[in-house]
Amino acid sequence: MAAQPLGEQRMLPTRDGRSMRALVAGDGSDLVVLEAGLGSGADAWARVVPLLAGAVTVVAYDRAGYGGSDPASDPRELAHLADDLGAVLDAVAHQRAVLVGHSWGGPIVRTLAARRAADGRLAGIVLVDQSDEHAALYFSPLVRAQAAVQRALYEPLARMRLLAPLVRATLRELPEPHRSGAVAATSTLTAARAMRAEDAQVTAELARLRERPLELGELPVRVLSGRRAGRLDRSIRDAMTAAHRATVATLPGGRLVEATRSGHLVPITEPELVAAEALDLLR
């Protein structure tokens, strides 16, 4: 059976006059907004959206420079990324909302949640194997050197049309046509530049979160942590879960949920867990 479209395509405006491509499904009065990780767009949520659309309105979107969204000229710091997420949230009518962020989408979601926690309509957030400032590995010289090499390769790989097969290989469990859509959205030269711009801010922004933690008050927060690992990355998985646990310990409304069948790509390998945690915050 062919995969169904993820939703109605809408072009949503930003404060600085850009447009962002969003896919909107469902017609519930409550809203779930899905924020993808670095190098991912709306189609990365293809296995989660159908599990939500029967109960709520759900929005997945391409960040600036990915897929059908205009590129941005400002530095891709968390504050600016959260501005764009806020524009998506404000563009879709709703009573209550839940924000779901995967990987680098986690800090983006937290940044906006800190601004909106007291407005009464944000029911909670779900952080899906998020990039976490409590993980020392992000600040190690080796990882920082690897990240610098990776950033330098994004654009050459896109020019040589080698970025697309690399992205495709990581999305084996995503159904078609969404797998091809996800690859197309994140393998162009424009997308490669967007990835480089975001990636360039990761270490500094995580360090800023360490130094000045975001205030979320009593906001309910679910932190999903992937636990599946091979022999070569068991220590990394354990370090990330320890970091996620440390984050939960700082949040009065926080709760850790282990994704036992997943590594990092929880939205693809355990979409039902992501959907269930988001919907539970609206009960």
C-alpha atoms as a PDB file:
ATOM      1  CA  MET A   1       0.000   0.000   0.000  1.00  0.00           C
ATOM      2  CA  ALA A   2       1.364   3.426  -0.964  1.00  0.00           C
ATOM      3  CA  ALA A   3       2.205   5.796   1.848  1.00  0.00           C
ATOM      4  CA  GLN A   4      -0.328   8.575   2.382  1.00  0.00           C
ATOM      5  CA  PRO A   5       0.620  12.269   2.116  1.00  0.00           C
ATOM      6  CA  LEU A   6       1.743  13.711   5.421  1.00  0.00           C
ATOM      7  CA  GLY A   7      -0.695  16.585   5.214  1.00  0.00           C
ATOM      8  CA  GLU A   8      -1.729  19.744   3.461  1.00  0.00           C
ATOM      9  CA  GLN A   9       1.238  21.832   2.376  1.00  0.00           C
ATOM     10  CA  ARG A  10       1.213  25.404   3.638  1.00  0.00           C
ATOM     11  CA  MET A  11       3.769  28.174   3.326  1.00  0.00           C
ATOM     12  CA  LEU A  12       4.040  29.923   6.680  1.00  0.00           C
ATOM     13  CA  PRO A  13       5.536  33.414   7.111  1.00  0.00           C
ATOM     14  CA  THR A  14       8.387  34.320   9.438  1.00  0.00           C
ATOM     15  CA  ARG A  15       8.920  37.652  11.176  1.00  0.00           C
ATOM     16  CA  ASP A  16      11.668  38.628   8.709  1.00  0.00           C
ATOM     17  CA  GLY A  17       9.634  37.921   5.573  1.00  0.00           C
ATOM     18  CA  ARG A  18      10.767  34.397   4.695  1.00  0.00           C
ATOM     19  CA  SER A  19       8.439  31.476   4.026  1.00  0.00           C
ATOM     20  CA  MET A  20       8.643  28.014   5.553  1.00  0.00           C
ATOM     21  CA  ARG A  21       7.094  24.873   4.099  1.00  0.00           C
ATOM     22  CA  ALA A  22       4.863  23.084   6.589  1.00  0.00           C
ATOM     23  CA  LEU A  23       2.748  19.953   6.319  1.00  0.00           C
ATOM     24  CA  VAL A  24      -0.465  20.151   8.369  1.00  0.00           C
ATOM     25  CA  ALA A  25      -2.575  17.060   9.109  1.00  0.00           C
ATOM     26  CA  GLY A  26      -5.611  16.395  11.290  1.00  0.00           C
ATOM     27  CA  ASP A  27      -8.225  18.839  12.522  1.00  0.00           C
ATOM     28  CA  GLY A  28      -8.168  18.588  16.310  1.00  0.00           C
ATOM     29  CA  SER A  29      -8.387  21.624  18.542  1.00  0.00           C
ATOM     30  CA  ASP A  30      -5.043  20.713  20.128  1.00  0.00           C
ATOM     31  CA  LEU A  31      -1.786  20.999  18.218  1.00  0.00           C
ATOM     32  CA  VAL A  32       1.461  19.021  18.102  1.00  0.00           C
ATOM     33  CA  VAL A  33       4.406  20.666  16.337  1.00  0.00           C
ATOM     34  CA  LEU A  34       7.302  18.433  15.290  1.00  0.00           C
ATOM     35  CA  GLU A  35      10.825  19.896  15.207  1.00  0.00           C
ATOM     36  CA  ALA A  36      13.343  17.733  13.353  1.00  0.00           C
ATOM     37  CA  GLY A  37      17.025  17.264  14.038  1.00  0.00           C
ATOM     38  CA  LEU A  38      19.939  18.903  12.250  1.00  0.00           C
ATOM     39  CA  GLY A  39      19.898  17.891   8.595  1.00  0.00           C
ATOM     40  CA  SER A  40      16.288  16.696   8.652  1.00  0.00           C
ATOM     41  CA  GLY A  41      13.036  18.130   7.367  1.00  0.00           C
ATOM     42  CA  ALA A  42       9.310  17.504   7.613  1.00  0.00           C
ATOM     43  CA  ASP A  43       9.403  14.083   5.924  1.00  0.00           C
ATOM     44  CA  ALA A  44      11.595  12.692   8.705  1.00  0.00           C
ATOM     45  CA  TRP A  45       8.388  12.521  10.791  1.00  0.00           C
ATOM     46  CA  ALA A  46       6.554  10.324   8.284  1.00  0.00           C
ATOM     47  CA  ARG A  47       6.013   7.462  10.746  1.00  0.00           C
ATOM     48  CA  VAL A  48       4.858   9.741  13.590  1.00  0.00           C
ATOM     49  CA  VAL A  49       2.376  12.042  11.829  1.00  0.00           C
ATOM     50  CA  PRO A  50      -0.284   9.384  11.031  1.00  0.00           C
ATOM     51  CA  LEU A  51      -0.283   8.263  14.676  1.00  0.00           C
ATOM     52  CA  LEU A  52      -1.173  11.790  15.795  1.00  0.00           C
ATOM     53  CA  ALA A  53      -3.416  13.118  13.039  1.00  0.00           C
ATOM     54  CA  GLY A  54      -6.498  11.203  14.174  1.00  0.00           C
ATOM     55  CA  ALA A  55      -6.505  12.940  17.551  1.00  0.00           C
ATOM     56  CA  VAL A  56      -4.897  16.369  17.075  1.00  0.00           C
ATOM     57  CA  THR A  57      -3.703  18.796  14.442  1.00  0.00           C
ATOM     58  CA  VAL A  58      -0.074  17.986  13.719  1.00  0.00           C
ATOM     59  CA  VAL A  59       2.510  20.104  11.929  1.00  0.00           C
ATOM     60  CA  ALA A  60       5.892  19.073  10.587  1.00  0.00           C
ATOM     61  CA  TYR A  61       7.988  21.650   8.768  1.00  0.00           C
ATOM     62  CA  ASP A  62      11.263  22.284   6.954  1.00  0.00           C
ATOM     63  CA  ARG A  63      13.607  24.615   8.790  1.00  0.00           C
ATOM     64  CA  ALA A  64      15.219  27.474   6.870  1.00  0.00           C
ATOM     65  CA  GLY A  65      17.126  26.243   3.825  1.00  0.00           C
ATOM     66  CA  TYR A  66      15.724  22.714   3.893  1.00  0.00           C
ATOM     67  CA  GLY A  67      13.191  21.417   1.390  1.00  0.00           C
ATOM     68  CA  GLY A  68      10.668  24.068   0.453  1.00  0.00           C
ATOM     69  CA  SER A  69      11.685  26.649   3.072  1.00  0.00           C
ATOM     70  CA  ASP A  70      13.565  29.813   2.214  1.00  0.00           C
ATOM     71  CA  PRO A  71      17.151  30.057   3.493  1.00  0.00           C
ATOM     72  CA  ALA A  72      17.918  32.436   6.356  1.00  0.00           C
ATOM     73  CA  SER A  73      20.663  35.040   6.465  1.00  0.00           C
ATOM     74  CA  ASP A  74      20.981  35.364  10.248  1.00  0.00           C
ATOM     75  CA  PRO A  75      23.244  33.104  12.350  1.00  0.00           C
ATOM     76  CA  ARG A  76      21.435  29.854  13.100  1.00  0.00           C
ATOM     77  CA  GLU A  77      21.618  30.294  16.854  1.00  0.00           C
ATOM     78  CA  LEU A  78      18.960  28.713  19.053  1.00  0.00           C
ATOM     79  CA  ALA A  79      17.225  32.049  19.568  1.00  0.00           C
ATOM     80  CA  HIS A  80      16.686  32.467  15.826  1.00  0.00           C
ATOM     81  CA  LEU A  81      15.684  28.844  15.302  1.00  0.00           C
ATOM     82  CA  ALA A  82      13.162  29.223  18.131  1.00  0.00           C
ATOM     83  CA  ASP A  83      11.795  32.371  16.458  1.00  0.00           C
ATOM     84  CA  ASP A  84      10.958  30.284  13.394  1.00  0.00           C
ATOM     85  CA  LEU A  85       9.391  27.531  15.496  1.00  0.00           C
ATOM     86  CA  GLY A  86       7.321  30.194  17.233  1.00  0.00           C
ATOM     87  CA  ALA A  87       6.124  31.447  13.852  1.00  0.00           C
ATOM     88  CA  VAL A  88       4.928  27.926  12.998  1.00  0.00           C
ATOM     89  CA  LEU A  89       3.177  27.571  16.352  1.00  0.00           C
ATOM     90  CA  ASP A  90       1.424  30.921  15.978  1.00  0.00           C
ATOM     91  CA  ALA A  91       0.322  30.269  12.394  1.00  0.00           C
ATOM     92  CA  VAL A  92      -1.904  27.285  13.245  1.00  0.00           C
ATOM     93  CA  ALA A  93      -4.979  27.853  15.407  1.00  0.00           C
ATOM     94  CA  HIS A  94      -5.092  25.734  18.557  1.00  0.00           C
ATOM     95  CA  GLN A  95      -6.254  25.558  22.156  1.00  0.00           C
ATOM     96  CA  ARG A  96      -3.330  23.656  23.666  1.00  0.00           C
ATOM     97  CA  ALA A  97      -0.002  22.687  22.136  1.00  0.00           C
ATOM     98  CA  VAL A  98       2.773  20.161  22.589  1.00  0.00           C
ATOM     99  CA  LEU A  99       6.207  20.675  21.051  1.00  0.00           C
ATOM    100  CA  VAL A 100       8.233  17.612  20.062  1.00  0.00           C
ATOM    101  CA  GLY A 101      11.925  17.962  19.231  1.00  0.00           C
ATOM    102  CA  HIS A 102      14.309  15.280  17.984  1.00  0.00           C
ATOM    103  CA  SER A 103      18.086  15.570  18.396  1.00  0.00           C
ATOM    104  CA  TRP A 104      19.058  19.239  17.772  1.00  0.00           C
ATOM    105  CA  GLY A 105      15.338  19.914  17.669  1.00  0.00           C
ATOM    106  CA  GLY A 106      15.315  19.312  21.434  1.00  0.00           C
ATOM    107  CA  PRO A 107      17.234  22.473  22.371  1.00  0.00           C
ATOM    108  CA  ILE A 108      15.189  24.436  19.819  1.00  0.00           C
ATOM    109  CA  VAL A 109      11.955  23.266  21.437  1.00  0.00           C
ATOM    110  CA  ARG A 110      13.289  24.008  24.927  1.00  0.00           C
ATOM    111  CA  THR A 111      14.306  27.515  23.895  1.00  0.00           C
ATOM    112  CA  LEU A 112      10.801  28.352  22.697  1.00  0.00           C
ATOM    113  CA  ALA A 113       9.196  26.554  25.657  1.00  0.00           C
ATOM    114  CA  ALA A 114      11.142  28.750  28.070  1.00  0.00           C
ATOM    115  CA  ARG A 115       9.525  31.776  26.406  1.00  0.00           C
ATOM    116  CA  ARG A 116       6.022  30.288  26.325  1.00  0.00           C
ATOM    117  CA  ALA A 117       5.850  28.163  29.482  1.00  0.00           C
ATOM    118  CA  ALA A 118       3.688  30.669  31.335  1.00  0.00           C
ATOM    119  CA  ASP A 119       1.179  31.474  28.589  1.00  0.00           C
ATOM    120  CA  GLY A 120      -1.187  28.668  29.574  1.00  0.00           C
ATOM    121  CA  ARG A 121      -1.533  27.007  26.173  1.00  0.00           C
ATOM    122  CA  LEU A 122       1.700  24.995  26.135  1.00  0.00           C
ATOM    123  CA  ALA A 123       0.776  21.625  27.648  1.00  0.00           C
ATOM    124  CA  GLY A 124       4.295  20.219  27.608  1.00  0.00           C
ATOM    125  CA  ILE A 125       7.243  19.201  25.478  1.00  0.00           C
ATOM    126  CA  VAL A 126       8.738  15.912  24.319  1.00  0.00           C
ATOM    127  CA  LEU A 127      12.506  15.757  23.817  1.00  0.00           C
ATOM    128  CA  VAL A 128      13.399  12.794  21.622  1.00  0.00           C
ATOM    129  CA  ASP A 129      17.016  11.667  22.122  1.00  0.00           C
ATOM    130  CA  GLN A 130      17.913  15.325  22.244  1.00  0.00           C
ATOM    131  CA  SER A 131      21.309  16.935  21.893  1.00  0.00           C
ATOM    132  CA  ASP A 132      22.079  17.513  25.552  1.00  0.00           C
ATOM    133  CA  GLU A 133      24.469  19.952  27.183  1.00  0.00           C
ATOM    134  CA  HIS A 134      25.069  17.499  30.024  1.00  0.00           C
ATOM    135  CA  ALA A 135      26.892  15.178  27.598  1.00  0.00           C
ATOM    136  CA  ALA A 136      30.598  15.907  27.916  1.00  0.00           C
ATOM    137  CA  LEU A 137      31.327  14.221  24.599  1.00  0.00           C
ATOM    138  CA  TYR A 138      30.102  17.284  22.678  1.00  0.00           C
ATOM    139  CA  PHE A 139      32.941  19.305  24.181  1.00  0.00           C
ATOM    140  CA  SER A 140      35.779  16.812  23.683  1.00  0.00           C
ATOM    141  CA  PRO A 141      38.560  17.868  21.272  1.00  0.00           C
ATOM    142  CA  LEU A 142      38.034  14.743  19.163  1.00  0.00           C
ATOM    143  CA  VAL A 143      34.298  15.286  18.667  1.00  0.00           C
ATOM    144  CA  ARG A 144      34.809  18.974  17.970  1.00  0.00           C
ATOM    145  CA  ALA A 145      37.447  18.130  15.348  1.00  0.00           C
ATOM    146  CA  GLN A 146      35.149  15.544  13.765  1.00  0.00           C
ATOM    147  CA  ALA A 147      32.335  18.093  13.654  1.00  0.00           C
ATOM    148  CA  ALA A 148      34.589  20.644  11.951  1.00  0.00           C
ATOM    149  CA  VAL A 149      35.524  18.125   9.260  1.00  0.00           C
ATOM    150  CA  GLN A 150      31.868  17.212   8.787  1.00  0.00           C
ATOM    151  CA  ARG A 151      30.880  20.853   8.352  1.00  0.00           C
ATOM    152  CA  ALA A 152      33.585  21.337   5.742  1.00  0.00           C
ATOM    153  CA  LEU A 153      32.283  18.382   3.739  1.00  0.00           C
ATOM    154  CA  TYR A 154      28.574  19.246   3.533  1.00  0.00           C
ATOM    155  CA  GLU A 155      28.817  21.550   0.524  1.00  0.00           C
ATOM    156  CA  PRO A 156      31.409  19.588  -1.504  1.00  0.00           C
ATOM    157  CA  LEU A 157      29.374  16.422  -1.037  1.00  0.00           C
ATOM    158  CA  ALA A 158      26.219  18.223  -2.186  1.00  0.00           C
ATOM    159  CA  ARG A 159      27.999  19.593  -5.255  1.00  0.00           C
ATOM    160  CA  MET A 160      29.259  16.113  -6.161  1.00  0.00           C
ATOM    161  CA  ARG A 161      25.775  14.655  -5.539  1.00  0.00           C
ATOM    162  CA  LEU A 162      27.188  12.372  -2.877  1.00  0.00           C
ATOM    163  CA  LEU A 163      25.228  13.832   0.031  1.00  0.00           C
ATOM    164  CA  ALA A 164      21.941  12.280  -1.160  1.00  0.00           C
ATOM    165  CA  PRO A 165      23.086   8.622  -1.009  1.00  0.00           C
ATOM    166  CA  LEU A 166      24.636   9.212   2.408  1.00  0.00           C
ATOM    167  CA  VAL A 167      21.371  10.629   3.747  1.00  0.00           C
ATOM    168  CA  ARG A 168      19.369   7.846   2.086  1.00  0.00           C
ATOM    169  CA  ALA A 169      21.476   5.207   3.801  1.00  0.00           C
ATOM    170  CA  THR A 170      20.553   6.547   7.248  1.00  0.00           C
ATOM    171  CA  LEU A 171      16.812   6.467   6.490  1.00  0.00           C
ATOM    172  CA  ARG A 172      16.379   2.830   5.512  1.00  0.00           C
ATOM    173  CA  GLU A 173      13.316   2.346   7.728  1.00  0.00           C
ATOM    174  CA  LEU A 174      11.456   5.414   6.478  1.00  0.00           C
ATOM    175  CA  PRO A 175       8.688   4.447   3.997  1.00  0.00           C
ATOM    176  CA  GLU A 176       8.536   5.759   0.466  1.00  0.00           C
ATOM    177  CA  PRO A 177       7.807   8.282  -0.891  1.00  0.00           C
ATOM    178  CA  HIS A 178       8.818  10.007   2.340  1.00  0.00           C
ATOM    179  CA  ARG A 179      12.317   8.567   2.321  1.00  0.00           C
ATOM    180  CA  SER A 180      12.972  10.125  -1.077  1.00  0.00           C
ATOM    181  CA  GLY A 181      11.291  13.333   0.077  1.00  0.00           C
ATOM    182  CA  ALA A 182      13.509  13.500   3.145  1.00  0.00           C
ATOM    183  CA  VAL A 183      16.612  12.923   1.025  1.00  0.00           C
ATOM    184  CA  ALA A 184      15.632  15.567  -1.526  1.00  0.00           C
ATOM    185  CA  ALA A 185      14.911  18.123   1.196  1.00  0.00           C
ATOM    186  CA  THR A 186      18.308  17.821   2.832  1.00  0.00           C
ATOM    187  CA  SER A 187      20.812  17.038   0.060  1.00  0.00           C
ATOM    188  CA  THR A 188      20.722  20.204  -2.070  1.00  0.00           C
ATOM    189  CA  LEU A 189      23.468  22.799  -1.942  1.00  0.00           C
ATOM    190  CA  THR A 190      21.091  25.177  -0.154  1.00  0.00           C
ATOM    191  CA  ALA A 191      20.328  22.510   2.437  1.00  0.00           C
ATOM    192  CA  ALA A 192      24.033  21.748   2.855  1.00  0.00           C
ATOM    193  CA  ARG A 193      24.658  25.414   3.611  1.00  0.00           C
ATOM    194  CA  ALA A 194      21.806  25.387   6.130  1.00  0.00           C
ATOM    195  CA  MET A 195      23.283  22.314   7.823  1.00  0.00           C
ATOM    196  CA  ARG A 196      26.691  23.923   7.998  1.00  0.00           C
ATOM    197  CA  ALA A 197      25.210  27.110   9.477  1.00  0.00           C
ATOM    198  CA  GLU A 198      23.306  25.187  12.138  1.00  0.00           C
ATOM    199  CA  ASP A 199      26.180  22.828  12.904  1.00  0.00           C
ATOM    200  CA  ALA A 200      28.553  25.760  13.378  1.00  0.00           C
ATOM    201  CA  GLN A 201      26.509  26.895  16.388  1.00  0.00           C
ATOM    202  CA  VAL A 202      25.990  23.575  18.181  1.00  0.00           C
ATOM    203  CA  THR A 203      28.950  23.514  20.568  1.00  0.00           C
ATOM    204  CA  ALA A 204      28.705  27.184  21.538  1.00  0.00           C
ATOM    205  CA  GLU A 205      24.948  26.959  22.039  1.00  0.00           C
ATOM    206  CA  LEU A 206      25.213  23.831  24.200  1.00  0.00           C
ATOM    207  CA  ALA A 207      27.886  25.579  26.252  1.00  0.00           C
ATOM    208  CA  ARG A 208      25.529  28.540  26.669  1.00  0.00           C
ATOM    209  CA  LEU A 209      22.789  26.205  27.914  1.00  0.00           C
ATOM    210  CA  ARG A 210      25.254  24.775  30.446  1.00  0.00           C
ATOM    211  CA  GLU A 211      26.138  28.223  31.699  1.00  0.00           C
ATOM    212  CA  ARG A 212      22.615  29.669  31.617  1.00  0.00           C
ATOM    213  CA  PRO A 213      20.047  26.867  31.941  1.00  0.00           C
ATOM    214  CA  LEU A 214      16.624  27.516  30.500  1.00  0.00           C
ATOM    215  CA  GLU A 215      13.798  28.029  32.981  1.00  0.00           C
ATOM    216  CA  LEU A 216      10.840  25.760  32.237  1.00  0.00           C
ATOM    217  CA  GLY A 217       9.143  25.974  35.639  1.00  0.00           C
ATOM    218  CA  GLU A 218       6.651  23.151  36.248  1.00  0.00           C
ATOM    219  CA  LEU A 219       6.120  22.482  32.545  1.00  0.00           C
ATOM    220  CA  PRO A 220       5.696  18.741  31.886  1.00  0.00           C
ATOM    221  CA  VAL A 221       8.710  17.433  29.967  1.00  0.00           C
ATOM    222  CA  ARG A 222       9.192  13.909  28.615  1.00  0.00           C
ATOM    223  CA  VAL A 223      12.767  13.019  27.722  1.00  0.00           C
ATOM    224  CA  LEU A 224      12.983   9.983  25.447  1.00  0.00           C
ATOM    225  CA  SER A 225      16.411   8.344  25.386  1.00  0.00           C
ATOM    226  CA  GLY A 226      17.439   5.757  22.819  1.00  0.00           C
ATOM    227  CA  ARG A 227      18.993   2.682  24.418  1.00  0.00           C
ATOM    228  CA  ARG A 228      19.715   0.351  21.514  1.00  0.00           C
ATOM    229  CA  ALA A 229      23.387   0.178  20.597  1.00  0.00           C
ATOM    230  CA  GLY A 230      25.949  -1.979  18.883  1.00  0.00           C
ATOM    231  CA  ARG A 231      29.226  -3.009  20.433  1.00  0.00           C
ATOM    232  CA  LEU A 232      31.023   0.040  19.078  1.00  0.00           C
ATOM    233  CA  ASP A 233      28.616   2.698  20.331  1.00  0.00           C
ATOM    234  CA  ARG A 234      27.434   1.294  23.670  1.00  0.00           C
ATOM    235  CA  SER A 235      29.503   3.820  25.597  1.00  0.00           C
ATOM    236  CA  ILE A 236      28.064   6.702  23.577  1.00  0.00           C
ATOM    237  CA  ARG A 237      24.497   5.516  24.161  1.00  0.00           C
ATOM    238  CA  ASP A 238      25.175   5.181  27.890  1.00  0.00           C
ATOM    239  CA  ALA A 239      26.711   8.655  28.001  1.00  0.00           C
ATOM    240  CA  MET A 240      23.708  10.173  26.233  1.00  0.00           C
ATOM    241  CA  THR A 241      21.211   8.474  28.532  1.00  0.00           C
ATOM    242  CA  ALA A 242      23.214   9.652  31.539  1.00  0.00           C
ATOM    243  CA  ALA A 243      23.038  13.186  30.123  1.00  0.00           C
ATOM    244  CA  HIS A 244      19.297  12.874  29.548  1.00  0.00           C
ATOM    245  CA  ARG A 245      18.868  11.633  33.093  1.00  0.00           C
ATOM    246  CA  ALA A 246      20.848  14.629  34.367  1.00  0.00           C
ATOM    247  CA  THR A 247      18.576  16.970  32.424  1.00  0.00           C
ATOM    248  CA  VAL A 248      15.467  15.341  33.878  1.00  0.00           C
ATOM    249  CA  ALA A 249      16.902  15.835  37.374  1.00  0.00           C
ATOM    250  CA  THR A 250      16.883  19.613  36.777  1.00  0.00           C
ATOM    251  CA  LEU A 251      13.238  19.710  35.648  1.00  0.00           C
ATOM    252  CA  PRO A 252      10.410  19.635  38.216  1.00  0.00           C
ATOM    253  CA  GLY A 253       8.069  18.364  35.501  1.00  0.00           C
ATOM    254  CA  GLY A 254      10.592  16.056  33.877  1.00  0.00           C
ATOM    255  CA  ARG A 255      10.381  12.319  33.272  1.00  0.00           C
ATOM    256  CA  LEU A 256      12.823   9.996  31.514  1.00  0.00           C
ATOM    257  CA  VAL A 257      11.419   7.418  29.090  1.00  0.00           C
ATOM    258  CA  GLU A 258      13.798   4.810  27.682  1.00  0.00           C
ATOM    259  CA  ALA A 259      13.305   3.914  24.015  1.00  0.00           C
ATOM    260  CA  THR A 260      14.574   0.349  24.310  1.00  0.00           C
ATOM    261  CA  ARG A 261      14.182  -0.579  20.638  1.00  0.00           C
ATOM    262  CA  SER A 262      15.904   2.514  19.264  1.00  0.00           C
ATOM    263  CA  GLY A 263      19.253   4.154  18.900  1.00  0.00           C
ATOM    264  CA  HIS A 264      19.204   7.817  17.904  1.00  0.00           C
ATOM    265  CA  LEU A 265      16.469   7.729  15.246  1.00  0.00           C
ATOM    266  CA  VAL A 266      13.570   7.150  17.629  1.00  0.00           C
ATOM    267  CA  PRO A 267      10.950   8.887  15.403  1.00  0.00           C
ATOM    268  CA  ILE A 268      11.637   6.276  12.731  1.00  0.00           C
ATOM    269  CA  THR A 269      12.168   3.164  14.831  1.00  0.00           C
ATOM    270  CA  GLU A 270       9.648   3.786  17.657  1.00  0.00           C
ATOM    271  CA  PRO A 271       7.148   6.306  16.281  1.00  0.00           C
ATOM    272  CA  GLU A 272       4.383   4.899  18.465  1.00  0.00           C
ATOM    273  CA  LEU A 273       6.343   5.834  21.598  1.00  0.00           C
ATOM    274  CA  VAL A 274       6.862   9.409  20.398  1.00  0.00           C
ATOM    275  CA  ALA A 275       3.173   9.774  19.538  1.00  0.00           C
ATOM    276  CA  ALA A 276       1.995   8.222  22.811  1.00  0.00           C
ATOM    277  CA  GLU A 277       4.111  10.565  24.938  1.00  0.00           C
ATOM    278  CA  ALA A 278       2.927  13.619  23.020  1.00  0.00           C
ATOM    279  CA  LEU A 279      -0.735  12.649  23.321  1.00  0.00           C
ATOM    280  CA  ASP A 280      -0.367  11.794  27.000  1.00  0.00           C
ATOM    281  CA  LEU A 281       0.583  15.408  27.701  1.00  0.00           C
ATOM    282  CA  LEU A 282      -2.791  16.484  26.299  1.00  0.00           C
ATOM    283  CA  ARG A 283      -4.901  14.154  28.456  1.00  0.00           C
END
